[in-house]
Amino acid sequence: MRQQRQAGVFYDLEENERLCSIALIKRLFPHIAADVIYKVPASYPSTPYLAAINWTAKVVKAKPEEAREYANLASRLPGARGRENPELFPALQKELADNPHAQDFASLDGNCFFKAALENPNLWDKPTDSGSGTKELRKKLVEKLVEIAAPPSPFYAMLLMDGDRLGALLQKHQTEATLISNSLKMFSLKVPSLIKDGNGVTVFAGGDDVLALLPLENALATAIKLRSAYSEAFADSEIPQATISGAIVYAHFNTPLTEVYHEAQRLLSDVAKEKTGRDSLAVTVWKGAGQVLTWAAPWEVVTGKFQPFLQNFQKEMPNGGKKEFTEFSNSFFYNIQNRLALFADEDADLSAFYDTNLKALLTAEYVKSRGPNTNREKAKETIEQLFELCHRYWRNQNGIICQDKNRLQLDSLFLIKFLSEKGVEQ
């Protein structure tokens, strides 16, 4: 994208790009916004770049010279160099401070970090090239990319959060309206720094509303921190019943952003608030064909059961920052899906064998996947924790957390698998 200044005017247009008047105003407005209201971002990171932020930082740290060489080669692709701004992200700032010569690598178009994107001629070649203009260069880049590190995750996260029943809260505490307003202001002032700490970007943060884009690895922890910040803001105002719900959509970077946003809105309204009873988090994984799983639970279940279980079975591997799921194999997940599919039906009733047969079946499958030397007592403990996550949780009208022990919800299992593998099949 060209950003040239002539006679005090920015021209921020692609070659041969044509915009209507409204689109042109939206494109140029950020360049003069600071003169009339306040500074706003001229652009946001691309979704491929967001997906690869943590991977990029680890490559810069582990292989700075290879990163520099790759950037020199990739800079020959049309528009690849200097497309992104690594200064927005603490993880990249930290590693670039020690390896400044990798700055060009961290500034590459995010598509340069993905094999499938490099192999797509429509992203790099002009129509007149017929896909041949950069073919050999892109082939060489794919080879170099494989040498540098294991592939990054192609998924990023959209996080949407909204306060629960704020209108009713204001109605109930009319005399404390100023306290509520101050609490919301306190919260909204904390939002950008918390999102930045998670290597994300804030799209908006006003009052009780939050919209942010983050790398896959940081979204859940950031959502939990934002929920805590919201609670703390209201704790000082002695209105502890103020709560906030959230939605996370993990989407492939090729998914149209509008679709991801619409899904986040639906997830927040219909699943986190209505179906799960507010003060909750709902999560969806969105691949090319649409959503493949949805899981939701009150925050206490997310922080007390789901997050600890996930953290216990992740391990850093010295292969370019990739995380490997060390406890469960693919065969374990898919075998129990096949065995337990019957019990995930809404009409199924597990009460007859909840405490014995079903857990024994899961434990046997786990031991089978791990090998004959597996400690069976440890296996039972692991399956007990896993089993707790396979039930639906919700909050009733009195705010009490309920659990349906007679039916299974297997999406929690596959969300754990997805987050541990970051959407990259082992």
Protein backbone atom coordinates (compact mmCIF):
# COMPACT_ATOMS: atom_id res chain seq x y z
CA MET A 1 0.00 0.00 0.00
CA ARG A 2 1.38 3.39 -0.91
CA GLN A 3 1.59 6.05 1.79
CA GLN A 4 2.96 9.16 0.13
CA ARG A 5 2.52 12.72 1.32
CA GLN A 6 2.18 15.40 -1.34
CA ALA A 7 1.27 19.01 -0.58
CA GLY A 8 0.17 18.05 2.95
CA VAL A 9 -2.12 15.19 1.81
CA PHE A 10 -1.68 11.45 2.33
CA TYR A 11 -2.33 9.12 -0.56
CA ASP A 12 -3.04 5.75 1.07
CA LEU A 13 -4.16 3.69 -1.93
CA GLU A 14 -3.17 0.55 -3.72
CA GLU A 15 -2.09 0.90 -7.30
CA ASN A 16 -5.20 1.16 -9.53
CA GLU A 17 -7.46 1.06 -6.44
CA ARG A 18 -10.80 2.88 -6.78
CA LEU A 19 -12.95 3.90 -3.80
CA CYS A 20 -16.38 5.49 -3.43
CA SER A 21 -16.60 8.79 -1.53
CA ILE A 22 -17.56 7.17 1.80
CA ALA A 23 -14.80 4.57 1.54
CA LEU A 24 -12.28 7.26 0.64
CA ILE A 25 -13.25 9.33 3.70
CA LYS A 26 -12.87 6.29 5.93
CA ARG A 27 -9.47 5.52 4.39
CA LEU A 28 -8.06 9.04 4.75
CA PHE A 29 -9.69 10.08 8.04
CA PRO A 30 -7.07 8.46 10.35
CA HIS A 31 -4.39 10.67 8.82
CA ILE A 32 -6.05 13.88 10.02
CA ALA A 33 -8.01 12.57 13.04
CA ALA A 34 -5.45 13.83 15.55
CA ASP A 35 -6.00 17.38 14.27
CA VAL A 36 -9.77 17.30 14.85
CA ILE A 37 -10.49 14.79 17.65
CA TYR A 38 -7.77 12.36 18.75
CA LYS A 39 -5.32 9.97 17.17
CA VAL A 40 -6.83 6.79 15.72
CA PRO A 41 -5.00 3.88 14.07
CA ALA A 42 -4.38 4.32 10.36
CA SER A 43 -4.57 0.56 9.98
CA TYR A 44 -4.74 -2.67 11.95
CA PRO A 45 -2.48 -5.70 11.68
CA SER A 46 -3.57 -8.25 9.12
CA THR A 47 -5.15 -11.43 10.44
CA PRO A 48 -2.24 -13.62 9.18
CA TYR A 49 0.17 -11.37 11.07
CA LEU A 50 -1.94 -11.60 14.26
CA ALA A 51 -2.00 -15.38 14.01
CA ALA A 52 1.79 -15.52 13.69
CA ILE A 53 2.88 -12.92 16.29
CA ASN A 54 4.14 -15.32 18.96
CA TRP A 55 5.71 -17.57 16.33
CA THR A 56 7.47 -14.56 14.79
CA ALA A 57 8.84 -13.46 18.17
CA LYS A 58 10.23 -16.93 18.85
CA VAL A 59 11.86 -17.13 15.43
CA VAL A 60 13.48 -13.72 15.96
CA LYS A 61 14.84 -14.94 19.29
CA ALA A 62 15.98 -18.41 18.18
CA LYS A 63 17.14 -17.75 14.61
CA PRO A 64 17.71 -14.02 14.07
CA GLU A 65 20.22 -14.47 11.25
CA GLU A 66 17.98 -16.89 9.34
CA ALA A 67 15.11 -14.45 9.88
CA ARG A 68 17.16 -11.61 8.39
CA GLU A 69 18.08 -13.70 5.36
CA TYR A 70 14.48 -14.75 4.86
CA ALA A 71 13.34 -11.11 5.01
CA ASN A 72 15.88 -10.12 2.38
CA LEU A 73 14.53 -12.79 0.06
CA ALA A 74 10.86 -12.08 0.84
CA SER A 75 11.32 -8.36 0.26
CA ARG A 76 11.42 -9.13 -3.47
CA LEU A 77 7.73 -10.03 -3.32
CA PRO A 78 5.51 -7.09 -4.35
CA GLY A 79 4.41 -5.20 -1.24
CA ALA A 80 5.73 -7.76 1.25
CA ARG A 81 8.25 -5.55 3.01
CA GLY A 82 7.27 -3.14 5.78
CA ARG A 83 3.57 -3.99 5.68
CA GLU A 84 3.20 -4.62 9.41
CA ASN A 85 4.15 -2.74 12.58
CA PRO A 86 5.93 -4.93 15.17
CA GLU A 87 6.14 -2.00 17.60
CA LEU A 88 2.50 -2.65 18.55
CA PHE A 89 3.35 -5.94 20.23
CA PRO A 90 5.41 -6.41 23.42
CA ALA A 91 6.55 -9.92 22.46
CA LEU A 92 8.10 -8.59 19.26
CA GLN A 93 9.49 -5.44 20.88
CA LYS A 94 11.28 -7.55 23.48
CA GLU A 95 12.99 -9.85 20.99
CA LEU A 96 13.81 -7.08 18.50
CA ALA A 97 15.55 -5.09 21.24
CA ASP A 98 18.13 -7.90 21.38
CA ASN A 99 18.04 -8.68 17.63
CA PRO A 100 17.41 -5.39 15.80
CA HIS A 101 18.71 -6.80 12.51
CA ALA A 102 15.58 -8.99 12.38
CA GLN A 103 13.34 -5.90 12.18
CA ASP A 104 12.60 -6.45 8.48
CA PHE A 105 11.50 -10.02 9.17
CA ALA A 106 9.08 -8.88 11.88
CA SER A 107 7.70 -6.22 9.52
CA LEU A 108 6.88 -8.57 6.64
CA ASP A 109 3.37 -9.03 5.34
CA GLY A 110 1.81 -11.74 7.52
CA ASN A 111 1.14 -13.89 4.46
CA CYS A 112 4.90 -14.40 4.16
CA PHE A 113 4.80 -16.71 7.18
CA PHE A 114 2.36 -19.26 5.76
CA LYS A 115 3.06 -21.89 3.12
CA ALA A 116 -0.48 -21.83 1.70
CA ALA A 117 -0.40 -18.04 1.34
CA LEU A 118 2.98 -18.09 -0.37
CA GLU A 119 1.69 -20.67 -2.84
CA ASN A 120 -1.30 -18.50 -3.74
CA PRO A 121 -0.33 -16.46 -6.84
CA ASN A 122 -3.37 -14.19 -6.44
CA LEU A 123 -1.74 -12.60 -3.39
CA TRP A 124 1.48 -11.66 -5.11
CA ASP A 125 1.24 -11.62 -8.89
CA LYS A 126 -0.32 -9.05 -11.14
CA PRO A 127 -3.12 -10.30 -13.42
CA THR A 128 -0.81 -10.04 -16.41
CA ASP A 129 1.70 -12.41 -14.81
CA SER A 130 -0.60 -15.44 -15.08
CA GLY A 131 0.83 -16.73 -11.79
CA SER A 132 4.39 -16.92 -13.14
CA GLY A 133 5.84 -13.59 -12.01
CA THR A 134 7.02 -14.72 -8.60
CA LYS A 135 6.55 -18.47 -8.81
CA GLU A 136 10.19 -19.50 -8.34
CA LEU A 137 10.74 -16.94 -5.60
CA ARG A 138 7.68 -18.12 -3.70
CA LYS A 139 8.78 -21.74 -4.05
CA LYS A 140 12.17 -20.87 -2.56
CA LEU A 141 10.51 -18.99 0.29
CA VAL A 142 8.39 -22.03 1.14
CA GLU A 143 11.55 -24.14 1.33
CA LYS A 144 13.26 -21.57 3.58
CA LEU A 145 10.21 -21.28 5.80
CA VAL A 146 10.22 -25.02 6.48
CA GLU A 147 13.91 -24.84 7.41
CA ILE A 148 13.42 -21.99 9.86
CA ALA A 149 10.72 -23.48 12.10
CA ALA A 150 7.59 -25.57 12.40
CA PRO A 151 4.60 -23.73 10.90
CA PRO A 152 2.73 -21.09 12.91
CA SER A 153 -0.92 -21.48 13.76
CA PRO A 154 -3.21 -20.08 11.04
CA PHE A 155 -5.76 -19.07 13.71
CA TYR A 156 -6.21 -15.78 15.55
CA ALA A 157 -8.85 -14.76 18.10
CA MET A 158 -11.57 -12.14 18.21
CA LEU A 159 -12.61 -11.25 21.76
CA LEU A 160 -15.93 -9.50 22.42
CA MET A 161 -17.09 -8.58 25.95
CA ASP A 162 -20.12 -6.77 27.31
CA GLY A 163 -21.44 -5.93 30.78
CA ASP A 164 -24.48 -7.86 31.99
CA ARG A 165 -27.81 -6.10 32.55
CA LEU A 166 -26.16 -2.71 32.90
CA GLY A 167 -29.49 -0.92 32.37
CA ALA A 168 -31.09 -2.88 35.22
CA LEU A 169 -28.07 -2.15 37.39
CA LEU A 170 -28.42 1.59 36.79
CA GLN A 171 -32.13 1.39 37.52
CA LYS A 172 -31.49 -0.46 40.79
CA HIS A 173 -28.76 1.92 41.91
CA GLN A 174 -30.03 5.27 40.67
CA THR A 175 -28.44 7.14 43.56
CA GLU A 176 -25.06 5.53 42.79
CA ALA A 177 -25.13 6.29 39.05
CA THR A 178 -21.96 8.35 39.36
CA LEU A 179 -20.19 5.46 41.08
CA ILE A 180 -21.21 3.11 38.27
CA SER A 181 -20.03 5.61 35.68
CA ASN A 182 -16.68 5.97 37.44
CA SER A 183 -16.31 2.20 37.66
CA LEU A 184 -16.94 1.82 33.93
CA LYS A 185 -14.42 4.55 33.21
CA MET A 186 -11.85 2.85 35.45
CA PHE A 187 -12.40 -0.42 33.61
CA SER A 188 -12.25 1.05 30.11
CA LEU A 189 -8.97 2.81 30.93
CA LYS A 190 -7.39 -0.52 31.89
CA VAL A 191 -8.58 -2.39 28.79
CA PRO A 192 -5.99 -1.23 26.20
CA SER A 193 -2.99 -2.07 28.38
CA LEU A 194 -4.36 -5.51 29.29
CA ILE A 195 -4.99 -6.30 25.64
CA LYS A 196 -1.55 -5.02 24.66
CA ASP A 197 0.01 -7.22 27.35
CA GLY A 198 -1.66 -10.12 25.53
CA ASN A 199 -0.05 -9.00 22.25
CA GLY A 200 -3.45 -7.94 20.94
CA VAL A 201 -4.94 -4.79 19.49
CA THR A 202 -7.95 -2.95 20.84
CA VAL A 203 -10.63 -2.19 18.28
CA PHE A 204 -12.86 -0.42 20.79
CA ALA A 205 -13.14 -0.12 24.56
CA GLY A 206 -15.92 2.10 25.83
CA GLY A 207 -17.75 1.66 29.10
CA ASP A 208 -18.59 -2.02 29.40
CA ASP A 209 -17.95 -2.88 25.73
CA VAL A 210 -14.71 -4.43 24.48
CA LEU A 211 -13.64 -5.69 21.07
CA ALA A 212 -10.10 -6.91 20.49
CA LEU A 213 -8.03 -9.05 18.14
CA LEU A 214 -5.35 -11.29 19.63
CA PRO A 215 -3.09 -14.23 18.86
CA LEU A 216 -4.76 -17.56 19.60
CA GLU A 217 -2.43 -18.31 22.52
CA ASN A 218 -3.26 -15.13 24.46
CA ALA A 219 -7.01 -14.73 24.06
CA LEU A 220 -8.27 -16.89 26.94
CA ALA A 221 -5.86 -15.46 29.53
CA THR A 222 -6.64 -11.92 28.37
CA ALA A 223 -10.38 -12.49 28.64
CA ILE A 224 -9.93 -13.75 32.21
CA LYS A 225 -7.84 -10.69 33.12
CA LEU A 226 -10.46 -8.35 31.66
CA ARG A 227 -13.20 -10.05 33.65
CA SER A 228 -11.12 -9.62 36.83
CA ALA A 229 -10.53 -5.95 36.00
CA TYR A 230 -14.26 -5.41 35.55
CA SER A 231 -15.03 -7.02 38.91
CA GLU A 232 -12.29 -5.01 40.64
CA ALA A 233 -13.56 -1.75 39.16
CA PHE A 234 -16.98 -2.33 40.67
CA ALA A 235 -15.71 -3.75 43.96
CA ASP A 236 -14.58 -0.26 44.99
CA SER A 237 -18.05 1.12 44.26
CA GLU A 238 -19.66 -1.51 46.52
CA ILE A 239 -21.76 -2.86 43.63
CA PRO A 240 -20.36 -6.41 43.53
CA GLN A 241 -23.25 -7.79 41.45
CA ALA A 242 -21.88 -6.10 38.32
CA THR A 243 -20.74 -8.84 35.94
CA ILE A 244 -19.48 -9.13 32.37
CA SER A 245 -19.79 -11.87 29.75
CA GLY A 246 -17.41 -12.66 26.93
CA ALA A 247 -17.13 -14.43 23.59
CA ILE A 248 -14.02 -15.69 21.82
CA VAL A 249 -14.03 -16.76 18.19
CA TYR A 250 -10.91 -18.62 17.08
CA ALA A 251 -10.93 -18.11 13.32
CA HIS A 252 -8.68 -19.08 10.43
CA PHE A 253 -7.05 -15.94 9.09
CA ASN A 254 -8.75 -16.42 5.71
CA THR A 255 -12.24 -16.20 7.23
CA PRO A 256 -13.95 -12.91 6.28
CA LEU A 257 -13.70 -10.56 9.26
CA THR A 258 -17.37 -9.57 8.99
CA GLU A 259 -18.42 -13.19 9.45
CA VAL A 260 -16.17 -13.55 12.48
CA TYR A 261 -17.63 -10.41 14.07
CA HIS A 262 -21.22 -11.51 13.45
CA GLU A 263 -20.43 -14.89 15.00
CA ALA A 264 -18.87 -13.19 18.05
CA GLN A 265 -22.01 -11.09 18.51
CA ARG A 266 -24.25 -14.16 18.26
CA LEU A 267 -22.02 -16.13 20.59
CA LEU A 268 -22.04 -13.39 23.22
CA SER A 269 -25.76 -12.70 23.10
CA ASP A 270 -27.28 -16.13 22.51
CA VAL A 271 -24.78 -18.47 24.16
CA ALA A 272 -22.82 -16.64 26.89
CA LYS A 273 -25.68 -14.47 28.12
CA GLU A 274 -28.93 -16.31 27.38
CA LYS A 275 -28.07 -20.01 27.29
CA THR A 276 -25.32 -19.95 29.93
CA GLY A 277 -26.89 -17.37 32.22
CA ARG A 278 -24.51 -14.38 31.96
CA ASP A 279 -21.26 -13.82 33.87
CA SER A 280 -19.94 -16.45 31.46
CA LEU A 281 -17.59 -17.07 28.55
CA ALA A 282 -18.55 -18.71 25.25
CA VAL A 283 -15.98 -19.98 22.75
CA THR A 284 -16.27 -21.04 19.12
CA VAL A 285 -13.71 -22.44 16.69
CA TRP A 286 -14.42 -21.24 13.16
CA LYS A 287 -12.72 -22.99 10.27
CA GLY A 288 -13.25 -22.64 6.54
CA ALA A 289 -16.68 -24.28 6.44
CA GLY A 290 -17.95 -22.49 9.56
CA GLN A 291 -18.01 -23.25 13.27
CA VAL A 292 -16.76 -26.71 14.21
CA LEU A 293 -17.32 -26.53 17.98
CA THR A 294 -18.84 -24.28 20.63
CA TRP A 295 -18.28 -24.44 24.38
CA ALA A 296 -19.53 -22.14 27.13
CA ALA A 297 -19.44 -22.02 30.93
CA PRO A 298 -19.62 -19.56 33.83
CA TRP A 299 -16.31 -17.83 34.54
CA GLU A 300 -15.74 -19.89 37.70
CA VAL A 301 -15.68 -23.08 35.59
CA VAL A 302 -13.39 -21.47 33.02
CA THR A 303 -10.84 -20.36 35.65
CA GLY A 304 -11.28 -23.21 38.12
CA LYS A 305 -11.51 -26.23 35.83
CA PHE A 306 -10.87 -25.51 32.15
CA GLN A 307 -7.82 -23.23 32.25
CA PRO A 308 -5.88 -25.27 34.88
CA PHE A 309 -6.51 -28.51 32.98
CA LEU A 310 -5.33 -26.92 29.75
CA GLN A 311 -2.16 -25.52 31.34
CA ASN A 312 -1.28 -28.84 32.98
CA PHE A 313 -0.97 -30.61 29.66
CA GLN A 314 0.88 -28.09 27.55
CA LYS A 315 4.60 -28.21 27.14
CA GLU A 316 6.97 -25.89 25.30
CA MET A 317 8.89 -27.71 22.62
CA PRO A 318 12.25 -26.49 21.18
CA ASN A 319 11.01 -26.49 17.59
CA GLY A 320 10.20 -22.89 16.86
CA GLY A 321 7.72 -22.29 19.64
CA LYS A 322 5.18 -24.98 18.82
CA LYS A 323 3.27 -26.52 21.71
CA GLU A 324 2.62 -30.20 21.81
CA PHE A 325 -0.21 -31.93 23.64
CA THR A 326 1.78 -34.36 25.74
CA GLU A 327 -0.95 -36.31 27.54
CA PHE A 328 -3.50 -37.22 24.87
CA SER A 329 -2.97 -38.57 21.39
CA ASN A 330 -5.20 -37.89 18.42
CA SER A 331 -6.41 -41.48 18.60
CA PHE A 332 -7.53 -40.97 22.21
CA PHE A 333 -9.67 -37.97 21.31
CA TYR A 334 -11.26 -39.53 18.28
CA ASN A 335 -11.83 -42.92 19.91
CA ILE A 336 -13.65 -41.44 22.87
CA GLN A 337 -15.64 -39.23 20.51
CA ASN A 338 -16.88 -42.36 18.73
CA ARG A 339 -17.53 -44.22 21.98
CA LEU A 340 -19.28 -41.36 23.74
CA ALA A 341 -21.23 -39.86 20.83
CA LEU A 342 -24.34 -41.72 21.99
CA PHE A 343 -24.14 -40.08 25.41
CA ALA A 344 -23.77 -36.58 23.96
CA ASP A 345 -27.32 -36.78 22.61
CA GLU A 346 -29.76 -34.40 24.33
CA ASP A 347 -32.05 -37.32 25.18
CA ALA A 348 -29.28 -39.49 26.62
CA ASP A 349 -29.24 -40.27 30.34
CA LEU A 350 -25.93 -41.24 31.94
CA SER A 351 -27.22 -41.60 35.48
CA ALA A 352 -27.07 -45.40 35.41
CA PHE A 353 -23.30 -45.55 34.79
CA TYR A 354 -21.96 -42.10 35.51
CA ASP A 355 -19.66 -43.12 38.38
CA THR A 356 -18.41 -46.47 37.16
CA ASN A 357 -18.69 -47.76 33.61
CA LEU A 358 -18.20 -44.54 31.74
CA LYS A 359 -15.15 -43.39 33.69
CA ALA A 360 -13.69 -46.89 33.47
CA LEU A 361 -14.14 -46.81 29.70
CA LEU A 362 -12.37 -43.45 29.44
CA THR A 363 -9.56 -44.60 31.72
CA ALA A 364 -9.02 -47.77 29.69
CA GLU A 365 -8.91 -45.76 26.47
CA TYR A 366 -6.42 -43.35 28.03
CA VAL A 367 -4.14 -46.15 29.25
CA LYS A 368 -4.34 -47.80 25.83
CA SER A 369 -3.23 -44.58 24.12
CA ARG A 370 -0.38 -44.02 26.61
CA GLY A 371 0.99 -47.55 26.77
CA PRO A 372 1.09 -50.42 29.28
CA ASN A 373 3.47 -48.63 31.69
CA THR A 374 0.96 -45.87 32.41
CA ASN A 375 0.28 -45.28 36.10
CA ARG A 376 -3.36 -46.30 36.48
CA GLU A 377 -4.00 -44.23 39.59
CA LYS A 378 -2.69 -41.13 37.82
CA ALA A 379 -4.78 -42.10 34.80
CA LYS A 380 -7.94 -42.25 36.94
CA GLU A 381 -7.16 -38.82 38.39
CA THR A 382 -6.61 -37.35 34.93
CA ILE A 383 -9.85 -38.82 33.58
CA GLU A 384 -11.74 -37.55 36.63
CA GLN A 385 -10.64 -34.00 35.80
CA LEU A 386 -11.36 -34.50 32.12
CA PHE A 387 -14.78 -35.94 32.82
CA GLU A 388 -15.74 -32.88 34.86
CA LEU A 389 -15.17 -30.75 31.76
CA CYS A 390 -17.46 -32.92 29.64
CA HIS A 391 -20.66 -31.65 31.23
CA ARG A 392 -22.69 -28.58 30.52
CA TYR A 393 -22.51 -25.82 33.13
CA TRP A 394 -24.77 -22.79 33.38
CA ARG A 395 -25.89 -20.17 35.86
CA ASN A 396 -29.51 -20.13 36.96
CA GLN A 397 -31.64 -17.03 37.67
CA ASN A 398 -30.30 -16.89 41.23
CA GLY A 399 -26.71 -16.86 40.02
CA ILE A 400 -26.04 -20.42 41.18
CA ILE A 401 -23.89 -22.59 38.92
CA CYS A 402 -25.67 -25.74 37.73
CA GLN A 403 -24.18 -28.87 36.18
CA ASP A 404 -25.91 -31.48 34.04
CA LYS A 405 -24.29 -34.77 35.04
CA ASN A 406 -26.61 -36.91 32.95
CA ARG A 407 -25.36 -35.74 29.55
CA LEU A 408 -21.96 -35.19 27.99
CA GLN A 409 -20.72 -32.15 26.11
CA LEU A 410 -17.73 -33.27 24.07
CA ASP A 411 -16.87 -29.90 22.54
CA SER A 412 -14.88 -29.05 25.68
CA LEU A 413 -12.56 -31.98 24.86
CA PHE A 414 -11.96 -30.84 21.33
CA LEU A 415 -11.47 -27.24 22.39
CA ILE A 416 -8.67 -28.40 24.70
CA LYS A 417 -7.15 -30.34 21.82
CA PHE A 418 -7.49 -27.37 19.46
CA LEU A 419 -5.93 -24.88 21.87
CA SER A 420 -3.07 -27.21 22.73
CA GLU A 421 -2.24 -27.86 19.10
CA LYS A 422 -3.17 -24.30 18.08
CA GLY A 423 -5.20 -25.68 15.21
CA VAL A 424 -2.18 -27.41 13.67
CA GLU A 425 -2.78 -31.16 13.44
CA GLN A 426 -0.03 -33.27 14.96
